[in-house]
Amino acid sequence: MTLKVLALGGDGIGPEVVDAAARSIDFKFDLSKDLLVGATGGPAWDPIVIDGGPEEQDALLKLRHELDVFACVRHE
């Protein structure tokens, strides 16, 4: 079985870091890459309220929901 992995560079992690991480994985996988725009906002946008549940209010949760995935591996 080959796992499908989507690597999203951006949000503080550049394409060079994603490439290095992909080379260090020790199992067979099908890698797709794309860019993820980093967080934006500030005090001027704090009053904005987005309707819906958590997956509609949080971009990362919405992305996980739309892709039907359950995990997000991030650096510490």
PDB file of N, CA and C in Angstrom:
ATOM      1  N   MET A   1       0.840  -1.179   0.000  1.00  0.00           N
ATOM      2  CA  MET A   1       0.000   0.000   0.000  1.00  0.00           C
ATOM      3  C   MET A   1       0.886   1.243   0.000  1.00  0.00           C
ATOM      4  N   THR A   2       0.549   2.197  -0.850  1.00  0.00           N
ATOM      5  CA  THR A   2       1.277   3.459  -0.908  1.00  0.00           C
ATOM      6  C   THR A   2       0.413   4.548  -0.295  1.00  0.00           C
ATOM      7  N   LEU A   3       0.952   5.248   0.692  1.00  0.00           N
ATOM      8  CA  LEU A   3       0.228   6.352   1.321  1.00  0.00           C
ATOM      9  C   LEU A   3       0.283   7.580   0.435  1.00  0.00           C
ATOM     10  N   LYS A   4      -0.792   8.346   0.428  1.00  0.00           N
ATOM     11  CA  LYS A   4      -0.828   9.620  -0.281  1.00  0.00           C
ATOM     12  C   LYS A   4      -0.567  10.721   0.729  1.00  0.00           C
ATOM     13  N   VAL A   5       0.407  11.584   0.455  1.00  0.00           N
ATOM     14  CA  VAL A   5       0.789  12.668   1.348  1.00  0.00           C
ATOM     15  C   VAL A   5       0.689  13.981   0.598  1.00  0.00           C
ATOM     16  N   LEU A   6       0.023  14.957   1.186  1.00  0.00           N
ATOM     17  CA  LEU A   6      -0.029  16.311   0.638  1.00  0.00           C
ATOM     18  C   LEU A   6       0.832  17.185   1.527  1.00  0.00           C
ATOM     19  N   ALA A   7       1.895  17.745   0.980  1.00  0.00           N
ATOM     20  CA  ALA A   7       2.805  18.607   1.725  1.00  0.00           C
ATOM     21  C   ALA A   7       2.511  20.054   1.360  1.00  0.00           C
ATOM     22  N   LEU A   8       2.162  20.842   2.370  1.00  0.00           N
ATOM     23  CA  LEU A   8       1.826  22.247   2.154  1.00  0.00           C
ATOM     24  C   LEU A   8       2.949  23.133   2.678  1.00  0.00           C
ATOM     25  N   GLY A   9       3.770  23.627   1.784  1.00  0.00           N
ATOM     26  CA  GLY A   9       4.805  24.579   2.166  1.00  0.00           C
ATOM     27  C   GLY A   9       4.172  25.943   2.369  1.00  0.00           C
ATOM     28  N   GLY A  10       4.743  26.739   3.208  1.00  0.00           N
ATOM     29  CA  GLY A  10       4.197  28.048   3.532  1.00  0.00           C
ATOM     30  C   GLY A  10       3.913  28.107   5.011  1.00  0.00           C
ATOM     31  N   ASP A  11       3.270  29.145   5.486  1.00  0.00           N
ATOM     32  CA  ASP A  11       2.941  29.283   6.904  1.00  0.00           C
ATOM     33  C   ASP A  11       4.192  29.123   7.761  1.00  0.00           C
ATOM     34  N   GLY A  12       5.306  29.699   7.287  1.00  0.00           N
ATOM     35  CA  GLY A  12       6.561  29.612   8.030  1.00  0.00           C
ATOM     36  C   GLY A  12       7.441  28.458   7.588  1.00  0.00           C
ATOM     37  N   ILE A  13       6.899  27.550   6.785  1.00  0.00           N
ATOM     38  CA  ILE A  13       7.680  26.417   6.298  1.00  0.00           C
ATOM     39  C   ILE A  13       7.797  26.564   4.788  1.00  0.00           C
ATOM     40  N   GLY A  14       9.008  26.771   4.306  1.00  0.00           N
ATOM     41  CA  GLY A  14       9.206  26.978   2.882  1.00  0.00           C
ATOM     42  C   GLY A  14       9.346  25.682   2.120  1.00  0.00           C
ATOM     43  N   PRO A  15       9.309  25.766   0.795  1.00  0.00           N
ATOM     44  CA  PRO A  15       9.433  24.571  -0.047  1.00  0.00           C
ATOM     45  C   PRO A  15      10.704  23.779   0.225  1.00  0.00           C
ATOM     46  N   GLU A  16      11.801  24.461   0.580  1.00  0.00           N
ATOM     47  CA  GLU A  16      13.058  23.738   0.842  1.00  0.00           C
ATOM     48  C   GLU A  16      12.952  22.854   2.085  1.00  0.00           C
ATOM     49  N   VAL A  17      12.172  23.281   3.073  1.00  0.00           N
ATOM     50  CA  VAL A  17      11.978  22.472   4.275  1.00  0.00           C
ATOM     51  C   VAL A  17      11.080  21.272   3.965  1.00  0.00           C
ATOM     52  N   VAL A  18      10.033  21.504   3.172  1.00  0.00           N
ATOM     53  CA  VAL A  18       9.144  20.411   2.773  1.00  0.00           C
ATOM     54  C   VAL A  18       9.928  19.368   1.982  1.00  0.00           C
ATOM     55  N   ASP A  19      10.795  19.805   1.061  1.00  0.00           N
ATOM     56  CA  ASP A  19      11.603  18.875   0.272  1.00  0.00           C
ATOM     57  C   ASP A  19      12.529  18.051   1.167  1.00  0.00           C
ATOM     58  N   ALA A  20      13.197  18.703   2.121  1.00  0.00           N
ATOM     59  CA  ALA A  20      14.104  17.990   3.032  1.00  0.00           C
ATOM     60  C   ALA A  20      13.338  16.985   3.880  1.00  0.00           C
ATOM     61  N   ALA A  21      12.162  17.364   4.356  1.00  0.00           N
ATOM     62  CA  ALA A  21      11.349  16.447   5.163  1.00  0.00           C
ATOM     63  C   ALA A  21      10.903  15.245   4.335  1.00  0.00           C
ATOM     64  N   ALA A  22      10.516  15.471   3.090  1.00  0.00           N
ATOM     65  CA  ALA A  22      10.073  14.375   2.222  1.00  0.00           C
ATOM     66  C   ALA A  22      11.213  13.382   1.986  1.00  0.00           C
ATOM     67  N   ARG A  23      12.439  13.881   1.848  1.00  0.00           N
ATOM     68  CA  ARG A  23      13.583  12.988   1.641  1.00  0.00           C
ATOM     69  C   ARG A  23      13.894  12.158   2.882  1.00  0.00           C
ATOM     70  N   SER A  24      13.480  12.630   4.055  1.00  0.00           N
ATOM     71  CA  SER A  24      13.813  11.920   5.292  1.00  0.00           C
ATOM     72  C   SER A  24      12.782  10.850   5.671  1.00  0.00           C
ATOM     73  N   ILE A  25      11.648  10.796   4.989  1.00  0.00           N
ATOM     74  CA  ILE A  25      10.608   9.813   5.300  1.00  0.00           C
ATOM     75  C   ILE A  25      11.061   8.444   4.819  1.00  0.00           C
ATOM     76  N   ASP A  26      10.941   7.451   5.710  1.00  0.00           N
ATOM     77  CA  ASP A  26      11.492   6.118   5.449  1.00  0.00           C
ATOM     78  C   ASP A  26      10.417   5.096   5.072  1.00  0.00           C
ATOM     79  N   PHE A  27       9.455   5.487   4.242  1.00  0.00           N
ATOM     80  CA  PHE A  27       8.480   4.549   3.722  1.00  0.00           C
ATOM     81  C   PHE A  27       8.006   5.055   2.360  1.00  0.00           C
ATOM     82  N   LYS A  28       7.392   4.167   1.595  1.00  0.00           N
ATOM     83  CA  LYS A  28       6.949   4.535   0.252  1.00  0.00           C
ATOM     84  C   LYS A  28       5.680   5.381   0.334  1.00  0.00           C
ATOM     85  N   PHE A  29       5.669   6.498  -0.385  1.00  0.00           N
ATOM     86  CA  PHE A  29       4.512   7.383  -0.387  1.00  0.00           C
ATOM     87  C   PHE A  29       4.412   8.127  -1.704  1.00  0.00           C
ATOM     88  N   ASP A  30       3.213   8.553  -2.016  1.00  0.00           N
ATOM     89  CA  ASP A  30       2.926   9.355  -3.194  1.00  0.00           C
ATOM     90  C   ASP A  30       2.793  10.793  -2.716  1.00  0.00           C
ATOM     91  N   LEU A  31       3.760  11.639  -3.057  1.00  0.00           N
ATOM     92  CA  LEU A  31       3.816  13.006  -2.536  1.00  0.00           C
ATOM     93  C   LEU A  31       3.255  14.005  -3.533  1.00  0.00           C
ATOM     94  N   SER A  32       2.313  14.814  -3.065  1.00  0.00           N
ATOM     95  CA  SER A  32       1.818  15.971  -3.816  1.00  0.00           C
ATOM     96  C   SER A  32       2.207  17.210  -3.023  1.00  0.00           C
ATOM     97  N   LYS A  33       2.565  18.271  -3.723  1.00  0.00           N
ATOM     98  CA  LYS A  33       2.958  19.508  -3.037  1.00  0.00           C
ATOM     99  C   LYS A  33       2.078  20.659  -3.496  1.00  0.00           C
ATOM    100  N   ASP A  34       1.867  21.598  -2.584  1.00  0.00           N
ATOM    101  CA  ASP A  34       1.141  22.817  -2.900  1.00  0.00           C
ATOM    102  C   ASP A  34       1.576  23.861  -1.883  1.00  0.00           C
ATOM    103  N   LEU A  35       1.171  25.089  -2.064  1.00  0.00           N
ATOM    104  CA  LEU A  35       1.504  26.148  -1.116  1.00  0.00           C
ATOM    105  C   LEU A  35       0.303  26.456  -0.247  1.00  0.00           C
ATOM    106  N   LEU A  36       0.556  26.823   1.006  1.00  0.00           N
ATOM    107  CA  LEU A  36      -0.488  27.232   1.945  1.00  0.00           C
ATOM    108  C   LEU A  36      -0.149  28.629   2.421  1.00  0.00           C
ATOM    109  N   VAL A  37      -1.040  29.567   2.191  1.00  0.00           N
ATOM    110  CA  VAL A  37      -0.808  30.947   2.600  1.00  0.00           C
ATOM    111  C   VAL A  37      -0.811  31.028   4.118  1.00  0.00           C
ATOM    112  N   GLY A  38       0.109  31.802   4.663  1.00  0.00           N
ATOM    113  CA  GLY A  38       0.219  31.942   6.108  1.00  0.00           C
ATOM    114  C   GLY A  38      -0.942  32.706   6.710  1.00  0.00           C
ATOM    115  N   ALA A  39      -0.953  32.723   8.020  1.00  0.00           N
ATOM    116  CA  ALA A  39      -2.020  33.406   8.751  1.00  0.00           C
ATOM    117  C   ALA A  39      -1.983  34.905   8.479  1.00  0.00           C
ATOM    118  N   THR A  40      -3.146  35.491   8.416  1.00  0.00           N
ATOM    119  CA  THR A  40      -3.264  36.932   8.243  1.00  0.00           C
ATOM    120  C   THR A  40      -4.270  37.450   9.257  1.00  0.00           C
ATOM    121  N   GLY A  41      -4.284  38.717   9.441  1.00  0.00           N
ATOM    122  CA  GLY A  41      -5.270  39.296  10.350  1.00  0.00           C
ATOM    123  C   GLY A  41      -4.656  40.364  11.227  1.00  0.00           C
ATOM    124  N   GLY A  42      -5.384  40.748  12.226  1.00  0.00           N
ATOM    125  CA  GLY A  42      -4.939  41.776  13.146  1.00  0.00           C
ATOM    126  C   GLY A  42      -6.135  42.336  13.874  1.00  0.00           C
ATOM    127  N   PRO A  43      -5.899  43.286  14.768  1.00  0.00           N
ATOM    128  CA  PRO A  43      -6.976  43.844  15.583  1.00  0.00           C
ATOM    129  C   PRO A  43      -8.138  44.418  14.774  1.00  0.00           C
ATOM    130  N   ALA A  44      -7.871  44.923  13.587  1.00  0.00           N
ATOM    131  CA  ALA A  44      -8.947  45.504  12.779  1.00  0.00           C
ATOM    132  C   ALA A  44      -9.962  44.452  12.340  1.00  0.00           C
ATOM    133  N   TRP A  45      -9.546  43.182  12.298  1.00  0.00           N
ATOM    134  CA  TRP A  45     -10.433  42.113  11.832  1.00  0.00           C
ATOM    135  C   TRP A  45     -10.985  41.260  12.978  1.00  0.00           C
ATOM    136  N   ASP A  46     -10.586  41.528  14.205  1.00  0.00           N
ATOM    137  CA  ASP A  46     -11.056  40.743  15.363  1.00  0.00           C
ATOM    138  C   ASP A  46     -12.579  40.708  15.497  1.00  0.00           C
ATOM    139  N   PRO A  47     -13.309  41.790  15.194  1.00  0.00           N
ATOM    140  CA  PRO A  47     -14.763  41.739  15.364  1.00  0.00           C
ATOM    141  C   PRO A  47     -15.507  40.892  14.331  1.00  0.00           C
ATOM    142  N   ILE A  48     -14.820  40.460  13.276  1.00  0.00           N
ATOM    143  CA  ILE A  48     -15.487  39.676  12.243  1.00  0.00           C
ATOM    144  C   ILE A  48     -15.825  38.298  12.799  1.00  0.00           C
ATOM    145  N   VAL A  49     -17.093  37.905  12.660  1.00  0.00           N
ATOM    146  CA  VAL A  49     -17.563  36.600  13.111  1.00  0.00           C
ATOM    147  C   VAL A  49     -17.993  35.789  11.898  1.00  0.00           C
ATOM    148  N   ILE A  50     -17.470  34.576  11.787  1.00  0.00           N
ATOM    149  CA  ILE A  50     -17.818  33.691  10.675  1.00  0.00           C
ATOM    150  C   ILE A  50     -18.840  32.690  11.187  1.00  0.00           C
ATOM    151  N   ASP A  51     -19.964  32.593  10.478  1.00  0.00           N
ATOM    152  CA  ASP A  51     -21.013  31.646  10.864  1.00  0.00           C
ATOM    153  C   ASP A  51     -20.554  30.215  10.650  1.00  0.00           C
ATOM    154  N   GLY A  52     -21.202  29.295  11.344  1.00  0.00           N
ATOM    155  CA  GLY A  52     -20.937  27.879  11.153  1.00  0.00           C
ATOM    156  C   GLY A  52     -20.168  27.286  12.310  1.00  0.00           C
ATOM    157  N   GLY A  53     -19.907  25.998  12.183  1.00  0.00           N
ATOM    158  CA  GLY A  53     -19.180  25.269  13.206  1.00  0.00           C
ATOM    159  C   GLY A  53     -17.682  25.521  13.133  1.00  0.00           C
ATOM    160  N   PRO A  54     -16.910  24.827  13.971  1.00  0.00           N
ATOM    161  CA  PRO A  54     -15.465  25.040  14.017  1.00  0.00           C
ATOM    162  C   PRO A  54     -14.770  24.851  12.671  1.00  0.00           C
ATOM    163  N   GLU A  55     -15.235  23.863  11.873  1.00  0.00           N
ATOM    164  CA  GLU A  55     -14.567  23.638  10.588  1.00  0.00           C
ATOM    165  C   GLU A  55     -14.836  24.751   9.591  1.00  0.00           C
ATOM    166  N   GLU A  56     -15.840  25.573   9.828  1.00  0.00           N
ATOM    167  CA  GLU A  56     -16.092  26.738   8.981  1.00  0.00           C
ATOM    168  C   GLU A  56     -15.350  27.971   9.489  1.00  0.00           C
ATOM    169  N   GLN A  57     -15.062  28.012  10.772  1.00  0.00           N
ATOM    170  CA  GLN A  57     -14.440  29.184  11.382  1.00  0.00           C
ATOM    171  C   GLN A  57     -12.917  29.124  11.344  1.00  0.00           C
ATOM    172  N   ASP A  58     -12.359  27.951  11.252  1.00  0.00           N
ATOM    173  CA  ASP A  58     -10.911  27.778  11.295  1.00  0.00           C
ATOM    174  C   ASP A  58     -10.448  27.208   9.958  1.00  0.00           C
ATOM    175  N   ALA A  59      -9.537  27.918   9.290  1.00  0.00           N
ATOM    176  CA  ALA A  59      -9.110  27.511   7.944  1.00  0.00           C
ATOM    177  C   ALA A  59      -8.464  26.133   7.938  1.00  0.00           C
ATOM    178  N   LEU A  60      -7.643  25.817   8.936  1.00  0.00           N
ATOM    179  CA  LEU A  60      -6.987  24.517   8.961  1.00  0.00           C
ATOM    180  C   LEU A  60      -7.998  23.391   9.176  1.00  0.00           C
ATOM    181  N   LEU A  61      -8.959  23.592  10.079  1.00  0.00           N
ATOM    182  CA  LEU A  61      -9.992  22.579  10.268  1.00  0.00           C
ATOM    183  C   LEU A  61     -10.833  22.408   9.006  1.00  0.00           C
ATOM    184  N   LYS A  62     -11.124  23.521   8.325  1.00  0.00           N
ATOM    185  CA  LYS A  62     -11.898  23.432   7.076  1.00  0.00           C
ATOM    186  C   LYS A  62     -11.122  22.648   6.032  1.00  0.00           C
ATOM    187  N   LEU A  63      -9.823  22.892   5.938  1.00  0.00           N
ATOM    188  CA  LEU A  63      -8.989  22.168   4.985  1.00  0.00           C
ATOM    189  C   LEU A  63      -8.988  20.671   5.307  1.00  0.00           C
ATOM    190  N   ARG A  64      -8.831  20.312   6.569  1.00  0.00           N
ATOM    191  CA  ARG A  64      -8.868  18.896   6.959  1.00  0.00           C
ATOM    192  C   ARG A  64     -10.222  18.278   6.624  1.00  0.00           C
ATOM    193  N   HIS A  65     -11.301  19.019   6.881  1.00  0.00           N
ATOM    194  CA  HIS A  65     -12.643  18.523   6.603  1.00  0.00           C
ATOM    195  C   HIS A  65     -12.838  18.290   5.098  1.00  0.00           C
ATOM    196  N   GLU A  66     -12.441  19.269   4.285  1.00  0.00           N
ATOM    197  CA  GLU A  66     -12.618  19.166   2.835  1.00  0.00           C
ATOM    198  C   GLU A  66     -11.774  18.037   2.243  1.00  0.00           C
ATOM    199  N   LEU A  67     -10.578  17.813   2.791  1.00  0.00           N
ATOM    200  CA  LEU A  67      -9.701  16.762   2.286  1.00  0.00           C
ATOM    201  C   LEU A  67      -9.971  15.410   2.933  1.00  0.00           C
ATOM    202  N   ASP A  68     -10.881  15.386   3.916  1.00  0.00           N
ATOM    203  CA  ASP A  68     -11.222  14.167   4.643  1.00  0.00           C
ATOM    204  C   ASP A  68      -9.979  13.531   5.259  1.00  0.00           C
ATOM    205  N   VAL A  69      -9.195  14.369   5.957  1.00  0.00           N
ATOM    206  CA  VAL A  69      -8.002  13.897   6.662  1.00  0.00           C
ATOM    207  C   VAL A  69      -8.155  14.188   8.147  1.00  0.00           C
ATOM    208  N   PHE A  70      -7.365  13.521   8.957  1.00  0.00           N
ATOM    209  CA  PHE A  70      -7.527  13.652  10.398  1.00  0.00           C
ATOM    210  C   PHE A  70      -6.284  14.160  11.100  1.00  0.00           C
ATOM    211  N   ALA A  71      -5.187  14.333  10.394  1.00  0.00           N
ATOM    212  CA  ALA A  71      -3.950  14.701  11.073  1.00  0.00           C
ATOM    213  C   ALA A  71      -3.232  15.802  10.300  1.00  0.00           C
ATOM    214  N   CYS A  72      -2.447  16.528  11.025  1.00  0.00           N
ATOM    215  CA  CYS A  72      -1.592  17.556  10.434  1.00  0.00           C
ATOM    216  C   CYS A  72      -0.259  17.491  11.170  1.00  0.00           C
ATOM    217  N   VAL A  73       0.790  17.157  10.462  1.00  0.00           N
ATOM    218  CA  VAL A  73       2.111  17.040  11.083  1.00  0.00           C
ATOM    219  C   VAL A  73       2.796  18.384  10.920  1.00  0.00           C
ATOM    220  N   ARG A  74       3.188  18.970  12.038  1.00  0.00           N
ATOM    221  CA  ARG A  74       3.841  20.278  12.010  1.00  0.00           C
ATOM    222  C   ARG A  74       5.124  20.229  12.823  1.00  0.00           C
ATOM    223  N   HIS A  75       6.052  21.074  12.480  1.00  0.00           N
ATOM    224  CA  HIS A  75       7.315  21.152  13.225  1.00  0.00           C
ATOM    225  C   HIS A  75       7.076  21.788  14.585  1.00  0.00           C
ATOM    226  N   GLU A  76       7.939  21.545  15.494  1.00  0.00           N
ATOM    227  CA  GLU A  76       7.860  22.158  16.846  1.00  0.00           C
ATOM    228  C   GLU A  76       8.932  23.199  16.980  1.00  0.00           C
TER     229      GLU A  76
END
